[in-house]
Amino acid sequence: RILVVVMIAISAAIALHASSIVDAVIIATVIGTTSYFFPIIGGLYWKRATRWGAMAALIVGGGTQILLIAYEQFWLGQPLDSISPYLTEHGVLVGLSLSALFFVGVSLATKPEPDIKLAPFFPDIIAGERSHLDLAIEHSPAQVGDDGQLPWETLVKGLKERYPLWFTPTGSHIVYRLSQADMLSCVKMVRGDDSHIWLSAEPRLDQGERLRDELFLAYGEIDDVLAALGMRARPG
């Protein structure tokens, strides 16, 4: 997050010295592209990608592009493609090439991400026929007259504090109860409509009965936290 802010600030500072609005937009675009293209696309489609590879690609690709643009703007005084046609559009091909090289190289040189983190994005990691389990929880205020609004962030925080199995890998909008190495089999909680919380799990067929029990264990834990918040729950 800090690197994102730094890259945006540097892009804006350099763009202020551009000769036109169009050129300023292009400068900001090429810096963003060389910084984030391979970390984002590679992270979505390549299972061997690692956080360190993404960080290396961001720093090297974006840093190279910033240096090229700074050289072009403040020292060379003319477009980089006057030196070589391969340096067209502020030398973006150089930045992208180095970003790709470091993304792949550092990812391969560092420890792979664990399957438990990759499973939600790459279903083929843990194969097999699966069941689909769902449970809707209806919540309501315990006292008549309360507005009944669910304080979702407080609920998630309470679950994580009381029951360490609850985990938010991508933000509080999706919460997993990490009781299995196979993340797809874990109970997942998401916010439903104004009066419901939805639980689901996709266990392998041989785990179906066990995960049904865990689904109701999760319900009990959610009920406990809701009670502490002055709310009550029931299967809905």
Protein backbone atom coordinates (compact mmCIF):
# COMPACT_ATOMS: atom_id res chain seq x y z
CA ARG A 1 0.00 0.00 0.00
CA ILE A 2 2.84 2.35 0.81
CA LEU A 3 4.45 1.61 -2.55
CA VAL A 4 1.18 2.37 -4.33
CA VAL A 5 1.02 5.79 -2.66
CA VAL A 6 4.69 6.45 -3.45
CA MET A 7 4.26 5.52 -7.12
CA ILE A 8 1.17 7.71 -7.45
CA ALA A 9 2.94 10.66 -5.83
CA ILE A 10 5.99 10.33 -8.08
CA SER A 11 3.82 9.93 -11.18
CA ALA A 12 1.89 13.06 -10.28
CA ALA A 13 5.08 15.05 -9.63
CA ILE A 14 6.58 14.09 -12.99
CA ALA A 15 3.30 14.61 -14.85
CA LEU A 16 3.20 18.22 -13.60
CA HIS A 17 6.20 18.92 -15.83
CA ALA A 18 4.60 17.40 -18.94
CA SER A 19 4.05 19.60 -21.97
CA SER A 20 0.34 18.77 -22.26
CA ILE A 21 -2.49 17.05 -20.45
CA VAL A 22 -2.34 14.16 -22.91
CA ASP A 23 1.35 13.64 -22.22
CA ALA A 24 0.70 13.81 -18.46
CA VAL A 25 -1.92 11.08 -18.78
CA ILE A 26 0.45 8.93 -20.85
CA ILE A 27 3.24 9.36 -18.29
CA ALA A 28 0.98 8.33 -15.42
CA THR A 29 -0.32 5.38 -17.46
CA VAL A 30 3.07 3.97 -18.41
CA ILE A 31 4.34 4.22 -14.83
CA GLY A 32 1.24 2.42 -13.59
CA THR A 33 1.49 -0.22 -16.32
CA THR A 34 5.13 -1.06 -15.69
CA SER A 35 4.49 -1.15 -11.94
CA TYR A 36 1.33 -3.24 -11.71
CA PHE A 37 0.67 -5.13 -14.95
CA PHE A 38 2.65 -8.28 -14.17
CA PRO A 39 1.93 -8.39 -10.41
CA ILE A 40 -1.82 -8.22 -11.11
CA ILE A 41 -2.10 -10.42 -14.21
CA GLY A 42 0.55 -12.86 -13.03
CA GLY A 43 -1.03 -13.11 -9.60
CA LEU A 44 -4.39 -13.97 -11.15
CA TYR A 45 -3.22 -16.61 -13.61
CA TRP A 46 0.13 -18.01 -12.42
CA LYS A 47 0.06 -20.19 -9.31
CA ARG A 48 3.81 -19.96 -8.80
CA ALA A 49 3.73 -16.18 -8.35
CA THR A 50 4.77 -14.93 -4.91
CA ARG A 51 4.38 -11.68 -3.02
CA TRP A 52 8.13 -11.09 -3.27
CA GLY A 53 8.04 -11.50 -7.04
CA ALA A 54 5.19 -9.01 -7.23
CA MET A 55 7.03 -6.52 -5.04
CA ALA A 56 10.23 -6.88 -7.06
CA ALA A 57 8.31 -6.34 -10.31
CA LEU A 58 6.60 -3.27 -8.89
CA ILE A 59 9.81 -1.68 -7.62
CA VAL A 60 12.04 -2.53 -10.59
CA GLY A 61 9.46 -1.93 -13.33
CA GLY A 62 8.04 1.24 -11.86
CA GLY A 63 11.42 2.52 -10.71
CA THR A 64 12.99 1.98 -14.13
CA GLN A 65 10.11 3.76 -15.82
CA ILE A 66 10.36 6.72 -13.46
CA LEU A 67 14.10 7.02 -14.13
CA LEU A 68 13.57 6.85 -17.89
CA ILE A 69 10.89 9.55 -17.82
CA ALA A 70 12.96 11.74 -15.49
CA TYR A 71 15.95 11.42 -17.84
CA GLU A 72 13.76 12.26 -20.83
CA GLN A 73 12.05 15.23 -19.17
CA PHE A 74 14.90 16.85 -17.25
CA TRP A 75 18.13 15.91 -19.04
CA LEU A 76 17.57 14.68 -22.59
CA GLY A 77 14.97 17.29 -23.47
CA GLN A 78 13.49 15.23 -26.32
CA PRO A 79 11.57 11.95 -26.70
CA LEU A 80 13.48 8.79 -25.88
CA ASP A 81 12.54 7.25 -29.22
CA SER A 82 14.96 9.74 -30.81
CA ILE A 83 17.67 7.47 -29.38
CA SER A 84 16.08 4.15 -30.36
CA PRO A 85 12.67 3.06 -31.68
CA TYR A 86 12.57 0.51 -28.85
CA LEU A 87 12.23 3.43 -26.42
CA THR A 88 8.90 4.59 -27.82
CA GLU A 89 6.26 5.89 -25.37
CA HIS A 90 8.81 6.92 -22.75
CA GLY A 91 10.62 3.57 -22.92
CA VAL A 92 7.69 1.56 -21.61
CA LEU A 93 8.97 -1.66 -23.23
CA VAL A 94 12.11 -1.49 -21.11
CA GLY A 95 10.14 -1.05 -17.90
CA LEU A 96 7.73 -3.85 -18.79
CA SER A 97 10.53 -6.23 -19.76
CA LEU A 98 12.41 -5.69 -16.50
CA SER A 99 9.18 -5.98 -14.52
CA ALA A 100 8.40 -9.33 -16.16
CA LEU A 101 11.96 -10.59 -15.66
CA PHE A 102 12.03 -9.78 -11.97
CA PHE A 103 8.47 -10.99 -11.40
CA VAL A 104 9.24 -14.43 -12.79
CA GLY A 105 12.79 -14.67 -11.46
CA VAL A 106 12.09 -13.61 -7.89
CA SER A 107 8.89 -15.69 -7.74
CA LEU A 108 10.80 -18.81 -8.78
CA ALA A 109 13.60 -18.03 -6.34
CA THR A 110 11.32 -17.59 -3.32
CA LYS A 111 9.10 -19.96 -1.39
CA PRO A 112 5.74 -20.70 -3.10
CA GLU A 113 2.57 -19.41 -1.52
CA PRO A 114 0.77 -22.11 0.52
CA ASP A 115 -2.16 -23.94 -1.08
CA ILE A 116 -4.50 -22.68 1.62
CA LYS A 117 -4.12 -19.15 0.21
CA LEU A 118 -4.29 -20.18 -3.44
CA ALA A 119 -7.27 -22.53 -3.31
CA PRO A 120 -10.01 -19.85 -3.56
CA PHE A 121 -8.45 -18.52 -6.77
CA PHE A 122 -7.28 -21.80 -8.34
CA PRO A 123 -9.94 -24.49 -7.79
CA ASP A 124 -7.81 -27.15 -9.51
CA ILE A 125 -5.23 -27.07 -6.71
CA ILE A 126 -7.29 -29.46 -4.64
CA ALA A 127 -9.30 -31.64 -6.99
CA GLY A 128 -12.20 -33.98 -6.40
CA GLU A 129 -15.97 -34.05 -6.45
CA ARG A 130 -17.48 -31.62 -3.99
CA SER A 131 -20.64 -31.03 -2.03
CA HIS A 132 -22.22 -27.59 -1.77
CA LEU A 133 -23.41 -26.70 1.72
CA ASP A 134 -25.31 -23.52 2.55
CA LEU A 135 -26.89 -22.05 5.66
CA ALA A 136 -28.68 -18.71 5.94
CA ILE A 137 -28.70 -16.99 9.33
CA GLU A 138 -31.43 -14.47 10.04
CA HIS A 139 -30.42 -11.78 12.52
CA SER A 140 -32.64 -9.36 14.41
CA PRO A 141 -32.34 -7.00 17.39
CA ALA A 142 -32.79 -8.61 20.79
CA GLN A 143 -34.71 -5.58 22.06
CA VAL A 144 -37.88 -4.30 20.43
CA GLY A 145 -37.32 -0.83 19.04
CA ASP A 146 -33.67 -1.26 18.05
CA ASP A 147 -32.92 -0.36 14.44
CA GLY A 148 -31.70 -3.89 13.67
CA GLN A 149 -28.72 -2.74 11.59
CA LEU A 150 -25.95 -5.33 11.57
CA PRO A 151 -22.56 -3.85 12.55
CA TRP A 152 -20.66 -6.08 10.13
CA GLU A 153 -17.15 -4.84 10.89
CA THR A 154 -17.76 -5.24 14.62
CA LEU A 155 -19.14 -8.74 14.07
CA VAL A 156 -16.08 -9.77 12.06
CA LYS A 157 -13.71 -8.27 14.62
CA GLY A 158 -15.55 -10.03 17.45
CA LEU A 159 -15.39 -13.39 15.67
CA LYS A 160 -11.66 -13.08 15.06
CA GLU A 161 -10.99 -12.06 18.66
CA ARG A 162 -13.12 -14.79 20.26
CA TYR A 163 -12.45 -17.61 17.81
CA PRO A 164 -8.97 -17.62 16.20
CA LEU A 165 -10.10 -19.92 13.36
CA TRP A 166 -11.90 -17.02 11.66
CA PHE A 167 -9.73 -15.32 9.06
CA THR A 168 -10.12 -12.54 6.47
CA PRO A 169 -7.60 -13.16 3.65
CA THR A 170 -8.95 -10.51 1.27
CA GLY A 171 -10.81 -8.11 3.54
CA SER A 172 -13.74 -8.22 5.93
CA HIS A 173 -16.36 -8.75 3.19
CA ILE A 174 -15.50 -12.49 3.12
CA VAL A 175 -14.62 -14.37 6.32
CA TYR A 176 -13.34 -17.95 6.44
CA ARG A 177 -13.35 -20.36 9.36
CA LEU A 178 -10.00 -22.01 8.71
CA SER A 179 -10.51 -25.47 10.13
CA GLN A 180 -9.23 -27.28 7.01
CA ALA A 181 -6.04 -27.17 4.96
CA ASP A 182 -8.33 -27.12 1.91
CA MET A 183 -9.71 -23.59 1.95
CA LEU A 184 -12.63 -24.45 -0.32
CA SER A 185 -13.85 -26.86 2.35
CA CYS A 186 -13.76 -24.19 5.04
CA VAL A 187 -16.94 -22.46 6.13
CA LYS A 188 -17.22 -19.07 4.42
CA MET A 189 -19.31 -16.20 5.78
CA VAL A 190 -20.58 -13.30 3.68
CA ARG A 191 -23.11 -10.58 4.31
CA GLY A 192 -26.47 -11.28 2.72
CA ASP A 193 -29.42 -8.91 2.53
CA ASP A 194 -30.47 -6.53 5.32
CA SER A 195 -31.49 -9.36 7.66
CA HIS A 196 -29.32 -12.34 6.69
CA ILE A 197 -25.80 -13.71 6.92
CA TRP A 198 -24.90 -16.49 4.49
CA LEU A 199 -22.63 -19.41 5.29
CA SER A 200 -21.33 -21.84 2.69
CA ALA A 201 -18.71 -24.54 2.18
CA GLU A 202 -17.59 -26.79 -0.68
CA PRO A 203 -16.11 -29.90 0.95
CA ARG A 204 -15.03 -33.03 -0.85
CA LEU A 205 -17.75 -35.67 -0.87
CA ASP A 206 -16.07 -37.69 1.87
CA GLN A 207 -16.05 -34.63 4.15
CA GLY A 208 -19.72 -33.72 3.77
CA GLU A 209 -20.95 -34.90 7.18
CA ARG A 210 -18.03 -33.34 9.01
CA LEU A 211 -18.54 -29.99 7.32
CA ARG A 212 -22.25 -30.02 8.11
CA ASP A 213 -21.25 -30.19 11.77
CA GLU A 214 -18.75 -27.38 11.28
CA LEU A 215 -21.39 -25.28 9.57
CA PHE A 216 -23.48 -25.41 12.73
CA LEU A 217 -20.42 -24.82 14.91
CA ALA A 218 -19.84 -21.66 12.89
CA TYR A 219 -23.49 -20.73 13.41
CA GLY A 220 -23.05 -21.11 17.17
CA GLU A 221 -19.98 -18.88 17.21
CA ILE A 222 -21.73 -16.22 15.15
CA ASP A 223 -24.74 -16.43 17.47
CA ASP A 224 -22.47 -15.84 20.49
CA VAL A 225 -20.94 -12.71 18.98
CA LEU A 226 -24.31 -11.39 17.82
CA ALA A 227 -25.68 -11.88 21.34
CA ALA A 228 -22.81 -9.78 22.70
CA LEU A 229 -23.85 -7.08 20.22
CA GLY A 230 -27.44 -7.12 21.44
CA MET A 231 -28.75 -9.19 18.54
CA ARG A 232 -30.12 -12.68 18.10
CA ALA A 233 -29.80 -15.21 15.32
CA ARG A 234 -31.75 -18.13 13.97
CA PRO A 235 -31.42 -20.33 10.89
CA GLY A 236 -33.26 -18.53 8.14
